[in-house]
Amino acid sequence: MPKVKIELKGIETLQREIESQKNLAPVKEVVAKHGALLRKRTQAEMGAAYVRGYSTGATSRSVTDTYTNGGLTAIVAPHTEYFAYLEYGTRFMDAKPTLTPAFNYQKIQFINDLRKLTKK
């Protein structure tokens, strides 16, 4: 039975290339940038949408951006218990979406910035 010999040439170069691809710092920067921009845009949308006399600004002040998964995940959310009623409405109140339009705008910018990273 013949012996089969497999020889890999350039394995060191391949390993270096793989290691260089693991640098996620630019991705984390993009996530942080757009997480902060989403928070600011959401707060701006709230300032424009919540203009009734009973509006206190509590929901806008409650919006936070937190980062998990080693900086690869941004979570932007308001923390008032009634935010869902404002965003989606009730049978007595029309919806005043603020987070959804802000997200829909910011996701396009986020994807464009990530695409720029892959072209480098």
C-alpha atoms as a PDB file:
ATOM      1  CA  MET A   1       0.000   0.000   0.000  1.00  0.00           C
ATOM      2  CA  PRO A   2       1.509   3.340  -1.025  1.00  0.00           C
ATOM      3  CA  LYS A   3       2.133   5.983   1.634  1.00  0.00           C
ATOM      4  CA  VAL A   4       0.480   9.334   1.138  1.00  0.00           C
ATOM      5  CA  LYS A   5       2.444  12.376   2.125  1.00  0.00           C
ATOM      6  CA  ILE A   6       0.806  15.787   2.431  1.00  0.00           C
ATOM      7  CA  GLU A   7       3.008  18.818   2.676  1.00  0.00           C
ATOM      8  CA  LEU A   8       1.630  22.275   3.359  1.00  0.00           C
ATOM      9  CA  LYS A   9       3.729  25.148   2.120  1.00  0.00           C
ATOM     10  CA  GLY A  10       3.128  28.652   3.378  1.00  0.00           C
ATOM     11  CA  ILE A  11       1.337  27.584   6.567  1.00  0.00           C
ATOM     12  CA  GLU A  12       3.137  30.297   8.572  1.00  0.00           C
ATOM     13  CA  THR A  13       1.908  32.950   6.164  1.00  0.00           C
ATOM     14  CA  LEU A  14      -1.607  31.579   6.402  1.00  0.00           C
ATOM     15  CA  GLN A  15      -1.479  31.616  10.202  1.00  0.00           C
ATOM     16  CA  ARG A  16      -0.291  35.231  10.234  1.00  0.00           C
ATOM     17  CA  GLU A  17      -3.111  36.210   7.876  1.00  0.00           C
ATOM     18  CA  ILE A  18      -5.688  34.471  10.046  1.00  0.00           C
ATOM     19  CA  GLU A  19      -4.321  36.164  13.163  1.00  0.00           C
ATOM     20  CA  SER A  20      -4.449  39.570  11.490  1.00  0.00           C
ATOM     21  CA  GLN A  21      -8.105  39.024  10.597  1.00  0.00           C
ATOM     22  CA  LYS A  22      -8.966  38.506  14.257  1.00  0.00           C
ATOM     23  CA  ASN A  23      -8.353  42.176  14.990  1.00  0.00           C
ATOM     24  CA  LEU A  24     -11.867  43.321  15.768  1.00  0.00           C
ATOM     25  CA  ALA A  25     -10.916  46.743  17.103  1.00  0.00           C
ATOM     26  CA  PRO A  26     -12.196  48.572  13.988  1.00  0.00           C
ATOM     27  CA  VAL A  27     -15.509  46.706  14.230  1.00  0.00           C
ATOM     28  CA  LYS A  28     -15.838  47.611  17.901  1.00  0.00           C
ATOM     29  CA  GLU A  29     -15.209  51.255  17.034  1.00  0.00           C
ATOM     30  CA  VAL A  30     -17.995  51.170  14.442  1.00  0.00           C
ATOM     31  CA  VAL A  31     -20.376  49.524  16.944  1.00  0.00           C
ATOM     32  CA  ALA A  32     -19.547  52.130  19.613  1.00  0.00           C
ATOM     33  CA  LYS A  33     -19.921  55.013  17.162  1.00  0.00           C
ATOM     34  CA  HIS A  34     -23.309  53.900  15.872  1.00  0.00           C
ATOM     35  CA  GLY A  35     -24.586  52.889  19.304  1.00  0.00           C
ATOM     36  CA  ALA A  36     -23.969  56.441  20.515  1.00  0.00           C
ATOM     37  CA  LEU A  37     -25.446  57.928  17.335  1.00  0.00           C
ATOM     38  CA  LEU A  38     -28.556  55.764  17.682  1.00  0.00           C
ATOM     39  CA  ARG A  39     -29.026  56.946  21.275  1.00  0.00           C
ATOM     40  CA  LYS A  40     -28.686  60.604  20.211  1.00  0.00           C
ATOM     41  CA  ARG A  41     -31.002  60.186  17.215  1.00  0.00           C
ATOM     42  CA  THR A  42     -33.600  58.424  19.368  1.00  0.00           C
ATOM     43  CA  GLN A  43     -33.497  61.247  21.890  1.00  0.00           C
ATOM     44  CA  ALA A  44     -33.837  63.811  19.092  1.00  0.00           C
ATOM     45  CA  GLU A  45     -36.838  61.933  17.671  1.00  0.00           C
ATOM     46  CA  MET A  46     -38.392  61.921  21.142  1.00  0.00           C
ATOM     47  CA  GLY A  47     -37.855  65.666  21.477  1.00  0.00           C
ATOM     48  CA  ALA A  48     -39.720  66.204  18.214  1.00  0.00           C
ATOM     49  CA  ALA A  49     -42.515  63.664  18.832  1.00  0.00           C
ATOM     50  CA  TYR A  50     -43.315  64.183  22.507  1.00  0.00           C
ATOM     51  CA  VAL A  51     -44.468  67.798  22.527  1.00  0.00           C
ATOM     52  CA  ARG A  52     -47.760  67.604  24.396  1.00  0.00           C
ATOM     53  CA  GLY A  53     -48.170  69.538  27.623  1.00  0.00           C
ATOM     54  CA  TYR A  54     -47.810  66.413  29.751  1.00  0.00           C
ATOM     55  CA  SER A  55     -44.426  65.544  28.259  1.00  0.00           C
ATOM     56  CA  THR A  56     -41.732  65.726  30.952  1.00  0.00           C
ATOM     57  CA  GLY A  57     -38.698  64.419  29.035  1.00  0.00           C
ATOM     58  CA  ALA A  58     -38.314  61.422  31.360  1.00  0.00           C
ATOM     59  CA  THR A  59     -38.368  58.906  28.515  1.00  0.00           C
ATOM     60  CA  SER A  60     -35.734  60.801  26.554  1.00  0.00           C
ATOM     61  CA  ARG A  61     -33.493  61.057  29.621  1.00  0.00           C
ATOM     62  CA  SER A  62     -33.903  57.339  30.291  1.00  0.00           C
ATOM     63  CA  VAL A  63     -32.374  56.257  26.954  1.00  0.00           C
ATOM     64  CA  THR A  64     -29.042  54.508  27.462  1.00  0.00           C
ATOM     65  CA  ASP A  65     -26.515  52.782  25.274  1.00  0.00           C
ATOM     66  CA  THR A  66     -24.738  49.754  26.722  1.00  0.00           C
ATOM     67  CA  TYR A  67     -22.188  47.485  25.105  1.00  0.00           C
ATOM     68  CA  THR A  68     -21.850  43.727  25.539  1.00  0.00           C
ATOM     69  CA  ASN A  69     -20.132  40.811  23.834  1.00  0.00           C
ATOM     70  CA  GLY A  70     -16.740  42.443  24.176  1.00  0.00           C
ATOM     71  CA  GLY A  71     -17.942  45.625  22.469  1.00  0.00           C
ATOM     72  CA  LEU A  72     -19.485  43.856  19.487  1.00  0.00           C
ATOM     73  CA  THR A  73     -23.088  44.441  20.587  1.00  0.00           C
ATOM     74  CA  ALA A  74     -24.741  47.790  21.303  1.00  0.00           C
ATOM     75  CA  ILE A  75     -28.039  47.935  23.174  1.00  0.00           C
ATOM     76  CA  VAL A  76     -29.935  51.217  22.988  1.00  0.00           C
ATOM     77  CA  ALA A  77     -33.131  51.370  24.988  1.00  0.00           C
ATOM     78  CA  PRO A  78     -35.339  53.737  26.979  1.00  0.00           C
ATOM     79  CA  HIS A  79     -36.095  52.614  30.510  1.00  0.00           C
ATOM     80  CA  THR A  80     -39.496  54.063  31.338  1.00  0.00           C
ATOM     81  CA  GLU A  81     -42.144  51.421  31.905  1.00  0.00           C
ATOM     82  CA  TYR A  82     -44.597  53.164  29.573  1.00  0.00           C
ATOM     83  CA  PHE A  83     -42.254  53.525  26.564  1.00  0.00           C
ATOM     84  CA  ALA A  84     -43.985  50.727  24.627  1.00  0.00           C
ATOM     85  CA  TYR A  85     -47.275  52.642  24.808  1.00  0.00           C
ATOM     86  CA  LEU A  86     -45.604  55.707  23.322  1.00  0.00           C
ATOM     87  CA  GLU A  87     -43.818  53.756  20.584  1.00  0.00           C
ATOM     88  CA  TYR A  88     -46.701  51.503  19.513  1.00  0.00           C
ATOM     89  CA  GLY A  89     -49.772  53.321  20.798  1.00  0.00           C
ATOM     90  CA  THR A  90     -52.849  51.957  22.535  1.00  0.00           C
ATOM     91  CA  ARG A  91     -56.470  51.767  21.602  1.00  0.00           C
ATOM     92  CA  PHE A  92     -56.836  55.227  23.180  1.00  0.00           C
ATOM     93  CA  MET A  93     -53.611  56.793  21.895  1.00  0.00           C
ATOM     94  CA  ASP A  94     -51.889  56.962  18.521  1.00  0.00           C
ATOM     95  CA  ALA A  95     -48.369  55.610  18.227  1.00  0.00           C
ATOM     96  CA  LYS A  96     -45.497  58.084  18.323  1.00  0.00           C
ATOM     97  CA  PRO A  97     -42.606  55.938  17.100  1.00  0.00           C
ATOM     98  CA  THR A  98     -39.171  57.278  17.948  1.00  0.00           C
ATOM     99  CA  LEU A  99     -36.817  54.329  18.393  1.00  0.00           C
ATOM    100  CA  THR A 100     -37.958  52.530  15.229  1.00  0.00           C
ATOM    101  CA  PRO A 101     -37.338  55.416  12.799  1.00  0.00           C
ATOM    102  CA  ALA A 102     -34.021  56.205  14.497  1.00  0.00           C
ATOM    103  CA  PHE A 103     -32.967  52.562  14.176  1.00  0.00           C
ATOM    104  CA  ASN A 104     -34.068  52.340  10.539  1.00  0.00           C
ATOM    105  CA  TYR A 105     -31.927  55.372   9.699  1.00  0.00           C
ATOM    106  CA  GLN A 106     -28.900  54.350  11.741  1.00  0.00           C
ATOM    107  CA  LYS A 107     -28.769  50.748  10.539  1.00  0.00           C
ATOM    108  CA  ILE A 108     -28.056  51.921   6.988  1.00  0.00           C
ATOM    109  CA  GLN A 109     -25.141  54.067   8.194  1.00  0.00           C
ATOM    110  CA  PHE A 110     -23.879  51.187  10.342  1.00  0.00           C
ATOM    111  CA  ILE A 111     -23.919  48.691   7.475  1.00  0.00           C
ATOM    112  CA  ASN A 112     -22.157  51.188   5.190  1.00  0.00           C
ATOM    113  CA  ASP A 113     -19.369  51.678   7.736  1.00  0.00           C
ATOM    114  CA  LEU A 114     -18.960  47.919   8.159  1.00  0.00           C
ATOM    115  CA  ARG A 115     -18.722  47.496   4.386  1.00  0.00           C
ATOM    116  CA  LYS A 116     -15.960  50.112   4.309  1.00  0.00           C
ATOM    117  CA  LEU A 117     -13.966  47.938   6.733  1.00  0.00           C
ATOM    118  CA  THR A 118     -14.097  44.955   4.394  1.00  0.00           C
ATOM    119  CA  LYS A 119     -12.780  47.005   1.463  1.00  0.00           C
ATOM    120  CA  LYS A 120      -9.576  47.951   3.288  1.00  0.00           C
END
